[in-house]
Amino acid sequence: MTALQMFGINPLGSFVLALVVPLVVVVFGTYLGVLGALQTFFGESSWQDVSTGEEE
């Protein structure tokens, strides 16, 4: 029996899967969106590059 099947059998496990999987997808999508905005608007790949670029 796979781990995913075991979570599906357990009601608490299915509840956790129903919350954790969408949360991980949203967090990862937000990260990719911020990274894309950094590259598009500032031409940098991290906030540290943007902040040090403005100070100089």
N, C-alpha and C. Protein backbone atom coordinates (compact mmCIF):
# COMPACT_ATOMS: atom_id res chain seq x y z
N MET A 1 0.85 -1.18 0.00
CA MET A 1 0.00 0.00 0.00
C MET A 1 0.90 1.25 0.00
N THR A 2 0.63 2.16 -0.89
CA THR A 2 1.44 3.36 -0.98
C THR A 2 1.06 4.37 0.10
N ALA A 3 1.94 5.32 0.31
CA ALA A 3 1.69 6.33 1.34
C ALA A 3 0.45 7.15 1.01
N LEU A 4 0.23 7.44 -0.26
CA LEU A 4 -0.94 8.23 -0.66
C LEU A 4 -2.24 7.48 -0.36
N GLN A 5 -2.24 6.16 -0.56
CA GLN A 5 -3.43 5.37 -0.23
C GLN A 5 -3.67 5.36 1.28
N MET A 6 -2.60 5.29 2.06
CA MET A 6 -2.75 5.29 3.51
C MET A 6 -3.34 6.61 3.99
N PHE A 7 -2.92 7.75 3.37
CA PHE A 7 -3.50 9.04 3.75
C PHE A 7 -4.97 9.10 3.36
N GLY A 8 -5.34 8.49 2.24
CA GLY A 8 -6.72 8.51 1.80
C GLY A 8 -7.65 7.71 2.69
N ILE A 9 -7.11 6.64 3.30
CA ILE A 9 -7.93 5.83 4.19
C ILE A 9 -8.20 6.56 5.50
N ASN A 10 -7.22 7.25 6.00
CA ASN A 10 -7.33 7.96 7.27
C ASN A 10 -8.05 9.30 7.04
N PRO A 11 -9.15 9.57 7.74
CA PRO A 11 -9.86 10.84 7.53
C PRO A 11 -9.00 12.07 7.84
N LEU A 12 -8.19 11.98 8.88
CA LEU A 12 -7.31 13.10 9.21
C LEU A 12 -6.26 13.28 8.12
N GLY A 13 -5.75 12.19 7.59
CA GLY A 13 -4.77 12.27 6.51
C GLY A 13 -5.34 12.91 5.26
N SER A 14 -6.56 12.57 4.91
CA SER A 14 -7.18 13.17 3.73
C SER A 14 -7.42 14.67 3.96
N PHE A 15 -7.77 15.03 5.20
CA PHE A 15 -7.96 16.45 5.53
C PHE A 15 -6.64 17.22 5.39
N VAL A 16 -5.57 16.62 5.88
CA VAL A 16 -4.26 17.24 5.77
C VAL A 16 -3.85 17.38 4.31
N LEU A 17 -4.07 16.33 3.52
CA LEU A 17 -3.77 16.42 2.09
C LEU A 17 -4.59 17.51 1.42
N ALA A 18 -5.84 17.64 1.80
CA ALA A 18 -6.72 18.65 1.19
C ALA A 18 -6.25 20.06 1.51
N LEU A 19 -5.54 20.24 2.62
CA LEU A 19 -5.04 21.57 2.98
C LEU A 19 -3.60 21.80 2.52
N VAL A 20 -2.76 20.81 2.66
CA VAL A 20 -1.33 20.99 2.41
C VAL A 20 -1.03 21.08 0.92
N VAL A 21 -1.63 20.24 0.11
CA VAL A 21 -1.31 20.24 -1.33
C VAL A 21 -1.67 21.58 -1.98
N PRO A 22 -2.87 22.12 -1.79
CA PRO A 22 -3.16 23.44 -2.38
C PRO A 22 -2.26 24.54 -1.82
N LEU A 23 -1.94 24.47 -0.52
CA LEU A 23 -1.07 25.47 0.08
C LEU A 23 0.32 25.45 -0.55
N VAL A 24 0.86 24.28 -0.77
CA VAL A 24 2.18 24.16 -1.40
C VAL A 24 2.13 24.70 -2.83
N VAL A 25 1.05 24.40 -3.55
CA VAL A 25 0.91 24.89 -4.92
C VAL A 25 0.84 26.41 -4.94
N VAL A 26 0.09 27.01 -4.03
CA VAL A 26 -0.04 28.47 -3.98
C VAL A 26 1.28 29.12 -3.61
N VAL A 27 1.97 28.56 -2.62
CA VAL A 27 3.26 29.12 -2.19
C VAL A 27 4.28 29.04 -3.32
N PHE A 28 4.34 27.90 -3.99
CA PHE A 28 5.29 27.74 -5.10
C PHE A 28 4.95 28.69 -6.25
N GLY A 29 3.65 28.83 -6.55
CA GLY A 29 3.23 29.74 -7.61
C GLY A 29 3.55 31.19 -7.27
N THR A 30 3.38 31.56 -6.00
CA THR A 30 3.72 32.92 -5.57
C THR A 30 5.21 33.17 -5.71
N TYR A 31 6.00 32.18 -5.31
CA TYR A 31 7.46 32.30 -5.45
C TYR A 31 7.85 32.50 -6.91
N LEU A 32 7.29 31.70 -7.80
CA LEU A 32 7.61 31.85 -9.22
C LEU A 32 7.14 33.19 -9.76
N GLY A 33 5.99 33.67 -9.29
CA GLY A 33 5.49 34.97 -9.73
C GLY A 33 6.38 36.12 -9.29
N VAL A 34 6.85 36.07 -8.05
CA VAL A 34 7.74 37.12 -7.55
C VAL A 34 9.07 37.07 -8.28
N LEU A 35 9.58 35.87 -8.50
CA LEU A 35 10.84 35.73 -9.23
C LEU A 35 10.70 36.26 -10.66
N GLY A 36 9.57 35.98 -11.29
CA GLY A 36 9.33 36.49 -12.63
C GLY A 36 9.22 38.00 -12.66
N ALA A 37 8.58 38.58 -11.64
CA ALA A 37 8.46 40.04 -11.56
C ALA A 37 9.82 40.68 -11.35
N LEU A 38 10.65 40.07 -10.52
CA LEU A 38 12.00 40.59 -10.30
C LEU A 38 12.78 40.63 -11.61
N GLN A 39 12.69 39.55 -12.36
CA GLN A 39 13.45 39.48 -13.60
C GLN A 39 12.88 40.41 -14.65
N THR A 40 11.56 40.57 -14.67
CA THR A 40 10.94 41.42 -15.68
C THR A 40 11.17 42.90 -15.40
N PHE A 41 10.90 43.34 -14.18
CA PHE A 41 10.94 44.77 -13.88
C PHE A 41 12.32 45.28 -13.50
N PHE A 42 13.12 44.44 -12.83
CA PHE A 42 14.41 44.90 -12.34
C PHE A 42 15.60 44.26 -13.04
N GLY A 43 15.38 43.16 -13.74
CA GLY A 43 16.48 42.46 -14.38
C GLY A 43 17.39 41.77 -13.38
N GLU A 44 16.89 41.50 -12.19
CA GLU A 44 17.68 40.86 -11.13
C GLU A 44 17.02 39.53 -10.76
N SER A 45 17.77 38.70 -10.01
CA SER A 45 17.23 37.40 -9.63
C SER A 45 16.99 37.27 -8.13
N SER A 46 17.21 38.33 -7.35
CA SER A 46 16.90 38.27 -5.92
C SER A 46 16.64 39.68 -5.41
N TRP A 47 15.94 39.78 -4.28
CA TRP A 47 15.66 41.09 -3.69
C TRP A 47 16.94 41.76 -3.23
N GLN A 48 17.92 40.96 -2.82
CA GLN A 48 19.19 41.52 -2.36
C GLN A 48 19.88 42.27 -3.50
N ASP A 49 19.83 41.71 -4.71
CA ASP A 49 20.43 42.39 -5.86
C ASP A 49 19.72 43.72 -6.13
N VAL A 50 18.41 43.74 -5.99
CA VAL A 50 17.64 44.96 -6.24
C VAL A 50 17.98 46.02 -5.21
N SER A 51 18.01 45.64 -3.94
CA SER A 51 18.25 46.63 -2.88
C SER A 51 19.68 47.17 -2.93
N THR A 52 20.68 46.33 -3.22
CA THR A 52 22.06 46.83 -3.30
C THR A 52 22.26 47.64 -4.57
N GLY A 53 21.47 47.35 -5.61
CA GLY A 53 21.60 48.12 -6.85
C GLY A 53 21.10 49.54 -6.70
N GLU A 54 20.08 49.76 -5.88
CA GLU A 54 19.53 51.10 -5.68
C GLU A 54 20.41 51.95 -4.77
N GLU A 55 21.13 51.31 -3.85
CA GLU A 55 21.95 52.06 -2.91
C GLU A 55 23.22 52.60 -3.55
N GLU A 56 23.72 51.92 -4.54
CA GLU A 56 24.99 52.33 -5.16
C GLU A 56 24.83 53.48 -6.10
